[in-house]
Amino acid sequence: MNSPKNILITGTSSGIGLATALEMKNRGWQVFASARKPEDLQKLETLGLKAVNMDLADPDTVAAGAQQVLDACPEGIFGLVNNAGYGQPGALEDLDVESMRRQFAVNVIGLQQLTNLILPGMIERKSGRIVHVSSVVGRVALPFMGIYSASKFAVEALADAQRVEISGTGVHISLVEPGPITTSFSNNAVQSSAGSLPTAKSRFSTLYQKELSKRENTRSPKPFALPPEAVAQKIAHALTSRHPRRRYKVTLPAHLGAALSRFAPDALVDWLLVKELKNRMQS
């Protein structure tokens, strides 16, 4: 590859982001890795990565972080991996406006703001790769993860629209759609929302308490889960292949979810999800 091997990856404190940062570093790329917490930024530096302070909910830090990377790379940025994000759990009827607004601020608006800041240089050089880390729930909406699913549906739409808008520029956009991955994502989502949901007043209060207790008392992996390195390999392909795919699915549930969204009647999908929900509430 003749293009500069410089890449910015967001959300690299752990999980998929960190695995991808280390994978690309091992391939000889200069990796700029974003995180929010000082201790995480320090850890990234000790791993030989270029740490960037960035909070996607804060447009000022997004702009400052992007400028930091652009200033450090006069030859240009070839790769951008939009991995940072989180999942806000809870029935939609139980979510307040601020919770919904922050979910979209981080997962959608911050992602697109950063993309728009990095994209002009790629277009000018007529080369670049942008990878959005979506999810199987960006194809099939899950109950009690409705606002998170909505944010990932939005990411899918952004990628589909912008992929056509930049056709012929030499820049490619790919979506990576993981299913269950052995990271702390789910536990962090439950823990971070433990005090924000109106559990006492909700008609789903019993289910919330069950889920919270389950997360606290077990660390067993989900069925069909793969390690974050499996996602990192797909991202690396999107960054380095001459012909990157538009979508990469990771894990069997991701493939099944994509198939359901394309071929299954809505009534069948609803029936399967209602059945699964009843099992969760009775277990």
C-alpha atoms as a PDB file:
ATOM      1  CA  MET A   1       0.000   0.000   0.000  1.00  0.00           C
ATOM      2  CA  ASN A   2       1.561   3.322  -1.109  1.00  0.00           C
ATOM      3  CA  SER A   3      -0.731   5.441   1.044  1.00  0.00           C
ATOM      4  CA  PRO A   4       0.456   6.562   4.476  1.00  0.00           C
ATOM      5  CA  LYS A   5      -0.155   3.919   7.108  1.00  0.00           C
ATOM      6  CA  ASN A   6      -1.663   6.300   9.631  1.00  0.00           C
ATOM      7  CA  ILE A   7      -4.907   5.411  11.354  1.00  0.00           C
ATOM      8  CA  LEU A   8      -7.225   6.871  13.979  1.00  0.00           C
ATOM      9  CA  ILE A   9      -9.270   4.408  16.041  1.00  0.00           C
ATOM     10  CA  THR A  10     -11.836   5.563  18.586  1.00  0.00           C
ATOM     11  CA  GLY A  11     -12.849   3.810  21.794  1.00  0.00           C
ATOM     12  CA  THR A  12      -9.609   1.915  22.373  1.00  0.00           C
ATOM     13  CA  SER A  13      -9.552   1.575  26.152  1.00  0.00           C
ATOM     14  CA  SER A  14     -10.527  -2.099  25.864  1.00  0.00           C
ATOM     15  CA  GLY A  15     -12.371  -4.674  23.770  1.00  0.00           C
ATOM     16  CA  ILE A  16     -12.695  -4.319  20.012  1.00  0.00           C
ATOM     17  CA  GLY A  17     -11.005  -0.925  19.855  1.00  0.00           C
ATOM     18  CA  LEU A  18      -7.908  -2.007  21.754  1.00  0.00           C
ATOM     19  CA  ALA A  19      -7.660  -5.285  19.837  1.00  0.00           C
ATOM     20  CA  THR A  20      -7.853  -3.391  16.551  1.00  0.00           C
ATOM     21  CA  ALA A  21      -5.270  -0.828  17.645  1.00  0.00           C
ATOM     22  CA  LEU A  22      -2.792  -3.557  18.570  1.00  0.00           C
ATOM     23  CA  GLU A  23      -3.512  -5.506  15.380  1.00  0.00           C
ATOM     24  CA  MET A  24      -2.773  -2.513  13.184  1.00  0.00           C
ATOM     25  CA  LYS A  25       0.296  -1.558  15.228  1.00  0.00           C
ATOM     26  CA  ASN A  26       1.634  -5.087  14.755  1.00  0.00           C
ATOM     27  CA  ARG A  27       1.122  -4.632  11.017  1.00  0.00           C
ATOM     28  CA  GLY A  28       3.411  -1.623  11.073  1.00  0.00           C
ATOM     29  CA  TRP A  29       0.843   1.156  11.095  1.00  0.00           C
ATOM     30  CA  GLN A  30       1.105   4.327  13.164  1.00  0.00           C
ATOM     31  CA  VAL A  31      -1.974   4.118  15.367  1.00  0.00           C
ATOM     32  CA  PHE A  32      -3.694   7.069  17.000  1.00  0.00           C
ATOM     33  CA  ALA A  33      -5.957   5.625  19.684  1.00  0.00           C
ATOM     34  CA  SER A  34      -8.675   7.630  21.399  1.00  0.00           C
ATOM     35  CA  ALA A  35     -10.033   7.282  24.923  1.00  0.00           C
ATOM     36  CA  ARG A  36     -11.593   9.516  27.572  1.00  0.00           C
ATOM     37  CA  LYS A  37     -10.025   8.580  30.914  1.00  0.00           C
ATOM     38  CA  PRO A  38      -6.491   9.726  31.820  1.00  0.00           C
ATOM     39  CA  GLU A  39      -5.533   6.246  33.031  1.00  0.00           C
ATOM     40  CA  ASP A  40      -6.626   4.731  29.721  1.00  0.00           C
ATOM     41  CA  LEU A  41      -4.685   7.334  27.748  1.00  0.00           C
ATOM     42  CA  GLN A  42      -1.584   6.536  29.777  1.00  0.00           C
ATOM     43  CA  LYS A  43      -2.057   2.797  29.169  1.00  0.00           C
ATOM     44  CA  LEU A  44      -2.323   3.360  25.423  1.00  0.00           C
ATOM     45  CA  GLU A  45       0.969   5.267  25.406  1.00  0.00           C
ATOM     46  CA  THR A  46       2.740   2.448  27.263  1.00  0.00           C
ATOM     47  CA  LEU A  47       1.518   0.064  24.529  1.00  0.00           C
ATOM     48  CA  GLY A  48       3.231   2.142  21.863  1.00  0.00           C
ATOM     49  CA  LEU A  49       0.093   3.845  20.595  1.00  0.00           C
ATOM     50  CA  LYS A  50      -0.465   7.570  20.078  1.00  0.00           C
ATOM     51  CA  ALA A  51      -3.095   8.478  22.657  1.00  0.00           C
ATOM     52  CA  VAL A  52      -5.802  10.996  21.750  1.00  0.00           C
ATOM     53  CA  ASN A  53      -8.209  12.455  24.298  1.00  0.00           C
ATOM     54  CA  MET A  54     -11.679  12.334  22.767  1.00  0.00           C
ATOM     55  CA  ASP A  55     -15.243  12.143  24.071  1.00  0.00           C
ATOM     56  CA  LEU A  56     -17.714  11.742  21.226  1.00  0.00           C
ATOM     57  CA  ALA A  57     -20.433  13.374  23.319  1.00  0.00           C
ATOM     58  CA  ASP A  58     -18.324  16.566  23.413  1.00  0.00           C
ATOM     59  CA  PRO A  59     -17.965  18.191  19.965  1.00  0.00           C
ATOM     60  CA  ASP A  60     -15.032  20.324  21.162  1.00  0.00           C
ATOM     61  CA  THR A  61     -12.917  17.312  22.128  1.00  0.00           C
ATOM     62  CA  VAL A  62     -13.812  15.607  18.842  1.00  0.00           C
ATOM     63  CA  ALA A  63     -12.633  18.629  16.875  1.00  0.00           C
ATOM     64  CA  ALA A  64      -9.486  19.015  18.993  1.00  0.00           C
ATOM     65  CA  GLY A  65      -8.652  15.319  18.780  1.00  0.00           C
ATOM     66  CA  ALA A  66      -9.099  15.237  15.013  1.00  0.00           C
ATOM     67  CA  GLN A  67      -6.903  18.309  14.614  1.00  0.00           C
ATOM     68  CA  GLN A  68      -4.227  16.754  16.832  1.00  0.00           C
ATOM     69  CA  VAL A  69      -4.051  13.733  14.543  1.00  0.00           C
ATOM     70  CA  LEU A  70      -4.129  15.762  11.328  1.00  0.00           C
ATOM     71  CA  ASP A  71      -1.328  18.032  12.594  1.00  0.00           C
ATOM     72  CA  ALA A  72       0.782  14.996  13.495  1.00  0.00           C
ATOM     73  CA  CYS A  73       0.344  13.474  10.023  1.00  0.00           C
ATOM     74  CA  PRO A  74       1.081  16.042   7.273  1.00  0.00           C
ATOM     75  CA  GLU A  75       1.216  13.140   4.817  1.00  0.00           C
ATOM     76  CA  GLY A  76      -2.379  12.326   5.699  1.00  0.00           C
ATOM     77  CA  ILE A  77      -4.599   9.853   7.523  1.00  0.00           C
ATOM     78  CA  PHE A  78      -5.471   6.760   5.535  1.00  0.00           C
ATOM     79  CA  GLY A  79      -7.705   4.927   8.001  1.00  0.00           C
ATOM     80  CA  LEU A  80     -10.484   5.873  10.421  1.00  0.00           C
ATOM     81  CA  VAL A  81     -12.183   3.270  12.598  1.00  0.00           C
ATOM     82  CA  ASN A  82     -15.281   4.567  14.361  1.00  0.00           C
ATOM     83  CA  ASN A  83     -15.536   2.061  17.191  1.00  0.00           C
ATOM     84  CA  ALA A  84     -16.379   4.185  20.236  1.00  0.00           C
ATOM     85  CA  GLY A  85     -19.887   3.824  21.568  1.00  0.00           C
ATOM     86  CA  TYR A  86     -22.002   2.369  24.321  1.00  0.00           C
ATOM     87  CA  GLY A  87     -25.380   0.710  24.775  1.00  0.00           C
ATOM     88  CA  GLN A  88     -28.161   2.301  26.809  1.00  0.00           C
ATOM     89  CA  PRO A  89     -30.411  -0.521  28.063  1.00  0.00           C
ATOM     90  CA  GLY A  90     -34.005  -0.235  29.152  1.00  0.00           C
ATOM     91  CA  ALA A  91     -37.510  -0.394  27.739  1.00  0.00           C
ATOM     92  CA  LEU A  92     -38.126   2.637  25.550  1.00  0.00           C
ATOM     93  CA  GLU A  93     -40.991   3.780  27.782  1.00  0.00           C
ATOM     94  CA  ASP A  94     -38.560   3.994  30.711  1.00  0.00           C
ATOM     95  CA  LEU A  95     -35.876   6.147  29.044  1.00  0.00           C
ATOM     96  CA  ASP A  96     -35.719   9.859  29.750  1.00  0.00           C
ATOM     97  CA  VAL A  97     -34.887  12.431  27.098  1.00  0.00           C
ATOM     98  CA  GLU A  98     -31.310  12.927  28.263  1.00  0.00           C
ATOM     99  CA  SER A  99     -30.529   9.198  28.067  1.00  0.00           C
ATOM    100  CA  MET A 100     -31.854   9.019  24.521  1.00  0.00           C
ATOM    101  CA  ARG A 101     -30.110  12.214  23.476  1.00  0.00           C
ATOM    102  CA  ARG A 102     -26.734  11.066  24.830  1.00  0.00           C
ATOM    103  CA  GLN A 103     -27.054   7.679  23.098  1.00  0.00           C
ATOM    104  CA  PHE A 104     -27.342   9.409  19.732  1.00  0.00           C
ATOM    105  CA  ALA A 105     -24.784  12.084  20.589  1.00  0.00           C
ATOM    106  CA  VAL A 106     -22.108   9.446  21.113  1.00  0.00           C
ATOM    107  CA  ASN A 107     -23.045   6.655  18.722  1.00  0.00           C
ATOM    108  CA  VAL A 108     -24.274   8.721  15.786  1.00  0.00           C
ATOM    109  CA  ILE A 109     -23.582  12.456  15.834  1.00  0.00           C
ATOM    110  CA  GLY A 110     -20.068  12.254  17.294  1.00  0.00           C
ATOM    111  CA  LEU A 111     -19.206   9.469  14.860  1.00  0.00           C
ATOM    112  CA  GLN A 112     -20.336  11.509  11.872  1.00  0.00           C
ATOM    113  CA  GLN A 113     -18.693  14.702  13.121  1.00  0.00           C
ATOM    114  CA  LEU A 114     -15.339  12.929  13.332  1.00  0.00           C
ATOM    115  CA  THR A 115     -15.828  11.316   9.928  1.00  0.00           C
ATOM    116  CA  ASN A 116     -16.552  14.681   8.340  1.00  0.00           C
ATOM    117  CA  LEU A 117     -13.394  16.148   9.859  1.00  0.00           C
ATOM    118  CA  ILE A 118     -11.128  13.387   8.557  1.00  0.00           C
ATOM    119  CA  LEU A 119     -12.813  12.765   5.196  1.00  0.00           C
ATOM    120  CA  PRO A 120     -11.718  15.921   3.262  1.00  0.00           C
ATOM    121  CA  GLY A 121      -8.043  14.957   3.434  1.00  0.00           C
ATOM    122  CA  MET A 122      -8.841  11.464   2.195  1.00  0.00           C
ATOM    123  CA  ILE A 123     -10.800  12.861  -0.741  1.00  0.00           C
ATOM    124  CA  GLU A 124      -7.977  15.283  -1.557  1.00  0.00           C
ATOM    125  CA  ARG A 125      -5.474  12.387  -1.658  1.00  0.00           C
ATOM    126  CA  LYS A 126      -8.003  10.141  -3.432  1.00  0.00           C
ATOM    127  CA  SER A 127      -7.435   7.308  -0.958  1.00  0.00           C
ATOM    128  CA  GLY A 128      -8.731   6.282   2.437  1.00  0.00           C
ATOM    129  CA  ARG A 129     -10.728   3.765   4.405  1.00  0.00           C
ATOM    130  CA  ILE A 130     -13.474   4.444   6.926  1.00  0.00           C
ATOM    131  CA  VAL A 131     -14.850   1.622   9.064  1.00  0.00           C
ATOM    132  CA  HIS A 132     -17.933   2.015  11.245  1.00  0.00           C
ATOM    133  CA  VAL A 133     -18.350  -0.607  13.961  1.00  0.00           C
ATOM    134  CA  SER A 134     -22.079  -1.288  13.954  1.00  0.00           C
ATOM    135  CA  SER A 135     -23.817  -4.345  15.412  1.00  0.00           C
ATOM    136  CA  VAL A 136     -26.219  -7.142  14.622  1.00  0.00           C
ATOM    137  CA  VAL A 137     -28.779  -4.977  16.451  1.00  0.00           C
ATOM    138  CA  GLY A 138     -28.352  -2.488  13.632  1.00  0.00           C
ATOM    139  CA  ARG A 139     -30.164  -5.064  11.500  1.00  0.00           C
ATOM    140  CA  VAL A 140     -32.613  -6.542  14.040  1.00  0.00           C
ATOM    141  CA  ALA A 141     -33.886  -4.319  16.849  1.00  0.00           C
ATOM    142  CA  LEU A 142     -33.848  -5.964  20.260  1.00  0.00           C
ATOM    143  CA  PRO A 143     -36.330  -5.278  23.083  1.00  0.00           C
ATOM    144  CA  PHE A 144     -34.813  -3.407  26.028  1.00  0.00           C
ATOM    145  CA  MET A 145     -32.001  -2.238  23.753  1.00  0.00           C
ATOM    146  CA  GLY A 146     -34.280  -0.190  21.530  1.00  0.00           C
ATOM    147  CA  ILE A 147     -32.485   3.150  21.705  1.00  0.00           C
ATOM    148  CA  TYR A 148     -29.117   1.439  21.186  1.00  0.00           C
ATOM    149  CA  SER A 149     -30.555  -0.498  18.246  1.00  0.00           C
ATOM    150  CA  ALA A 150     -31.922   2.752  16.831  1.00  0.00           C
ATOM    151  CA  SER A 151     -28.474   4.345  17.031  1.00  0.00           C
ATOM    152  CA  LYS A 152     -26.928   1.410  15.163  1.00  0.00           C
ATOM    153  CA  PHE A 153     -29.685   1.469  12.538  1.00  0.00           C
ATOM    154  CA  ALA A 154     -28.722   5.124  12.098  1.00  0.00           C
ATOM    155  CA  VAL A 155     -25.036   4.253  11.687  1.00  0.00           C
ATOM    156  CA  GLU A 156     -25.984   1.752   8.983  1.00  0.00           C
ATOM    157  CA  ALA A 157     -27.980   4.449   7.185  1.00  0.00           C
ATOM    158  CA  LEU A 158     -25.139   6.970   7.431  1.00  0.00           C
ATOM    159  CA  ALA A 159     -22.687   4.504   5.922  1.00  0.00           C
ATOM    160  CA  ASP A 160     -25.057   3.485   3.128  1.00  0.00           C
ATOM    161  CA  ALA A 161     -25.769   7.096   2.173  1.00  0.00           C
ATOM    162  CA  GLN A 162     -22.206   8.372   2.402  1.00  0.00           C
ATOM    163  CA  ARG A 163     -20.806   5.349   0.554  1.00  0.00           C
ATOM    164  CA  VAL A 164     -22.743   6.505  -2.499  1.00  0.00           C
ATOM    165  CA  GLU A 165     -21.928  10.175  -1.926  1.00  0.00           C
ATOM    166  CA  ILE A 166     -18.168   9.500  -2.002  1.00  0.00           C
ATOM    167  CA  SER A 167     -18.217   7.032  -4.885  1.00  0.00           C
ATOM    168  CA  GLY A 168     -15.362   7.691  -7.289  1.00  0.00           C
ATOM    169  CA  THR A 169     -13.242   9.556  -4.729  1.00  0.00           C
ATOM    170  CA  GLY A 170     -10.958   6.639  -3.834  1.00  0.00           C
ATOM    171  CA  VAL A 171     -12.369   6.495  -0.313  1.00  0.00           C
ATOM    172  CA  HIS A 172     -14.253   3.401   0.867  1.00  0.00           C
ATOM    173  CA  ILE A 173     -16.666   2.987   3.790  1.00  0.00           C
ATOM    174  CA  SER A 174     -17.291  -0.405   5.406  1.00  0.00           C
ATOM    175  CA  LEU A 175     -19.616  -1.537   8.166  1.00  0.00           C
ATOM    176  CA  VAL A 176     -18.579  -4.216  10.653  1.00  0.00           C
ATOM    177  CA  GLU A 177     -21.517  -5.923  12.364  1.00  0.00           C
ATOM    178  CA  PRO A 178     -20.471  -7.998  15.378  1.00  0.00           C
ATOM    179  CA  GLY A 179     -22.766 -10.302  17.258  1.00  0.00           C
ATOM    180  CA  PRO A 180     -21.867 -11.390  20.816  1.00  0.00           C
ATOM    181  CA  ILE A 181     -18.229 -10.585  21.597  1.00  0.00           C
ATOM    182  CA  THR A 182     -16.389 -11.428  24.823  1.00  0.00           C
ATOM    183  CA  THR A 183     -15.889  -7.870  26.031  1.00  0.00           C
ATOM    184  CA  SER A 184     -17.157  -5.896  29.006  1.00  0.00           C
ATOM    185  CA  PHE A 185     -19.677  -4.071  26.800  1.00  0.00           C
ATOM    186  CA  SER A 186     -22.832  -5.694  28.164  1.00  0.00           C
ATOM    187  CA  ASN A 187     -21.777  -5.547  31.800  1.00  0.00           C
ATOM    188  CA  ASN A 188     -20.749  -1.905  31.447  1.00  0.00           C
ATOM    189  CA  ALA A 189     -24.093  -1.063  29.874  1.00  0.00           C
ATOM    190  CA  VAL A 190     -26.050  -2.649  32.709  1.00  0.00           C
ATOM    191  CA  GLN A 191     -23.869  -1.175  35.435  1.00  0.00           C
ATOM    192  CA  SER A 192     -23.853   2.320  33.983  1.00  0.00           C
ATOM    193  CA  SER A 193     -27.641   2.378  33.769  1.00  0.00           C
ATOM    194  CA  ALA A 194     -28.333   0.762  37.128  1.00  0.00           C
ATOM    195  CA  GLY A 195     -29.195   4.089  38.721  1.00  0.00           C
ATOM    196  CA  SER A 196     -30.725   5.817  35.723  1.00  0.00           C
ATOM    197  CA  LEU A 197     -33.737   3.606  35.014  1.00  0.00           C
ATOM    198  CA  PRO A 198     -36.924   4.109  37.063  1.00  0.00           C
ATOM    199  CA  THR A 199     -36.901   0.475  38.151  1.00  0.00           C
ATOM    200  CA  ALA A 200     -39.285   0.935  41.066  1.00  0.00           C
ATOM    201  CA  LYS A 201     -42.027   2.410  38.877  1.00  0.00           C
ATOM    202  CA  SER A 202     -41.437   0.382  35.741  1.00  0.00           C
ATOM    203  CA  ARG A 203     -43.644  -2.538  34.811  1.00  0.00           C
ATOM    204  CA  PHE A 204     -40.378  -4.287  33.915  1.00  0.00           C
ATOM    205  CA  SER A 205     -38.752  -3.728  37.308  1.00  0.00           C
ATOM    206  CA  THR A 206     -38.509  -7.447  38.059  1.00  0.00           C
ATOM    207  CA  LEU A 207     -36.732  -8.115  34.775  1.00  0.00           C
ATOM    208  CA  TYR A 208     -34.293  -5.246  35.349  1.00  0.00           C
ATOM    209  CA  GLN A 209     -33.354  -6.627  38.743  1.00  0.00           C
ATOM    210  CA  LYS A 210     -32.898 -10.126  37.322  1.00  0.00           C
ATOM    211  CA  GLU A 211     -30.636  -8.885  34.548  1.00  0.00           C
ATOM    212  CA  LEU A 212     -28.551  -6.770  36.906  1.00  0.00           C
ATOM    213  CA  SER A 213     -28.142  -9.651  39.329  1.00  0.00           C
ATOM    214  CA  LYS A 214     -27.220 -12.007  36.505  1.00  0.00           C
ATOM    215  CA  ARG A 215     -24.501  -9.662  35.267  1.00  0.00           C
ATOM    216  CA  GLU A 216     -23.098  -9.226  38.750  1.00  0.00           C
ATOM    217  CA  ASN A 217     -22.998 -12.929  39.591  1.00  0.00           C
ATOM    218  CA  THR A 218     -21.724 -14.489  36.390  1.00  0.00           C
ATOM    219  CA  ARG A 219     -19.014 -13.862  33.855  1.00  0.00           C
ATOM    220  CA  SER A 220     -19.788 -16.824  31.604  1.00  0.00           C
ATOM    221  CA  PRO A 221     -19.553 -16.000  27.888  1.00  0.00           C
ATOM    222  CA  LYS A 222     -22.640 -15.769  25.733  1.00  0.00           C
ATOM    223  CA  PRO A 223     -23.370 -18.596  23.290  1.00  0.00           C
ATOM    224  CA  PHE A 224     -21.491 -18.237  19.979  1.00  0.00           C
ATOM    225  CA  ALA A 225     -19.389 -15.377  21.389  1.00  0.00           C
ATOM    226  CA  LEU A 226     -16.008 -14.677  19.806  1.00  0.00           C
ATOM    227  CA  PRO A 227     -13.054 -12.687  21.175  1.00  0.00           C
ATOM    228  CA  PRO A 228     -12.546  -9.059  20.099  1.00  0.00           C
ATOM    229  CA  GLU A 229      -9.586 -10.140  17.982  1.00  0.00           C
ATOM    230  CA  ALA A 230     -12.064 -11.778  15.593  1.00  0.00           C
ATOM    231  CA  VAL A 231     -13.598  -8.373  14.921  1.00  0.00           C
ATOM    232  CA  ALA A 232     -10.156  -6.782  14.639  1.00  0.00           C
ATOM    233  CA  GLN A 233      -9.316  -9.184  11.816  1.00  0.00           C
ATOM    234  CA  LYS A 234     -12.396  -8.116   9.854  1.00  0.00           C
ATOM    235  CA  ILE A 235     -11.562  -4.454  10.411  1.00  0.00           C
ATOM    236  CA  ALA A 236      -8.001  -5.075   9.231  1.00  0.00           C
ATOM    237  CA  HIS A 237      -9.358  -6.615   6.034  1.00  0.00           C
ATOM    238  CA  ALA A 238     -11.546  -3.573   5.425  1.00  0.00           C
ATOM    239  CA  LEU A 239      -8.494  -1.344   5.871  1.00  0.00           C
ATOM    240  CA  THR A 240      -6.014  -3.282   3.751  1.00  0.00           C
ATOM    241  CA  SER A 241      -7.901  -5.181   1.057  1.00  0.00           C
ATOM    242  CA  ARG A 242      -7.971  -3.824  -2.472  1.00  0.00           C
ATOM    243  CA  HIS A 243     -11.652  -4.623  -2.536  1.00  0.00           C
ATOM    244  CA  PRO A 244     -13.098  -3.994   0.937  1.00  0.00           C
ATOM    245  CA  ARG A 245     -16.575  -5.315   1.546  1.00  0.00           C
ATOM    246  CA  ARG A 246     -19.491  -3.066   2.293  1.00  0.00           C
ATOM    247  CA  ARG A 247     -20.441  -5.176   5.316  1.00  0.00           C
ATOM    248  CA  TYR A 248     -18.602  -7.650   7.513  1.00  0.00           C
ATOM    249  CA  LYS A 249     -20.574  -9.907   9.840  1.00  0.00           C
ATOM    250  CA  VAL A 250     -18.854 -11.445  12.871  1.00  0.00           C
ATOM    251  CA  THR A 251     -20.299 -14.475  14.767  1.00  0.00           C
ATOM    252  CA  LEU A 252     -23.115 -16.809  13.788  1.00  0.00           C
ATOM    253  CA  PRO A 253     -25.841 -14.627  15.403  1.00  0.00           C
ATOM    254  CA  ALA A 254     -24.718 -11.719  13.213  1.00  0.00           C
ATOM    255  CA  HIS A 255     -25.187 -13.831  10.086  1.00  0.00           C
ATOM    256  CA  LEU A 256     -28.567 -15.077  11.327  1.00  0.00           C
ATOM    257  CA  GLY A 257     -29.681 -11.564  12.203  1.00  0.00           C
ATOM    258  CA  ALA A 258     -28.794 -10.284   8.750  1.00  0.00           C
ATOM    259  CA  ALA A 259     -30.696 -13.163   7.163  1.00  0.00           C
ATOM    260  CA  LEU A 260     -33.747 -12.507   9.340  1.00  0.00           C
ATOM    261  CA  SER A 261     -33.749  -8.817   8.474  1.00  0.00           C
ATOM    262  CA  ARG A 262     -33.640  -9.577   4.750  1.00  0.00           C
ATOM    263  CA  PHE A 263     -35.848 -12.610   4.330  1.00  0.00           C
ATOM    264  CA  ALA A 264     -38.037 -13.253   7.387  1.00  0.00           C
ATOM    265  CA  PRO A 265     -41.533 -11.720   7.675  1.00  0.00           C
ATOM    266  CA  ASP A 266     -41.896  -9.135  10.430  1.00  0.00           C
ATOM    267  CA  ALA A 267     -44.464 -11.356  12.130  1.00  0.00           C
ATOM    268  CA  LEU A 268     -41.931 -14.183  12.430  1.00  0.00           C
ATOM    269  CA  VAL A 269     -39.236 -11.896  13.825  1.00  0.00           C
ATOM    270  CA  ASP A 270     -41.712 -10.497  16.368  1.00  0.00           C
ATOM    271  CA  TRP A 271     -42.788 -14.004  17.365  1.00  0.00           C
ATOM    272  CA  LEU A 272     -39.204 -15.114  17.967  1.00  0.00           C
ATOM    273  CA  LEU A 273     -38.372 -12.027  20.023  1.00  0.00           C
ATOM    274  CA  VAL A 274     -41.580 -12.223  22.085  1.00  0.00           C
ATOM    275  CA  LYS A 275     -40.865 -15.876  22.820  1.00  0.00           C
ATOM    276  CA  GLU A 276     -37.329 -15.068  23.924  1.00  0.00           C
ATOM    277  CA  LEU A 277     -38.599 -12.197  26.082  1.00  0.00           C
ATOM    278  CA  LYS A 278     -41.116 -14.447  27.835  1.00  0.00           C
ATOM    279  CA  ASN A 279     -38.356 -16.952  28.589  1.00  0.00           C
ATOM    280  CA  ARG A 280     -36.226 -14.209  30.110  1.00  0.00           C
ATOM    281  CA  MET A 281     -39.054 -12.955  32.295  1.00  0.00           C
ATOM    282  CA  GLN A 282     -39.899 -16.466  33.524  1.00  0.00           C
ATOM    283  CA  SER A 283     -36.338 -17.632  34.159  1.00  0.00           C
END
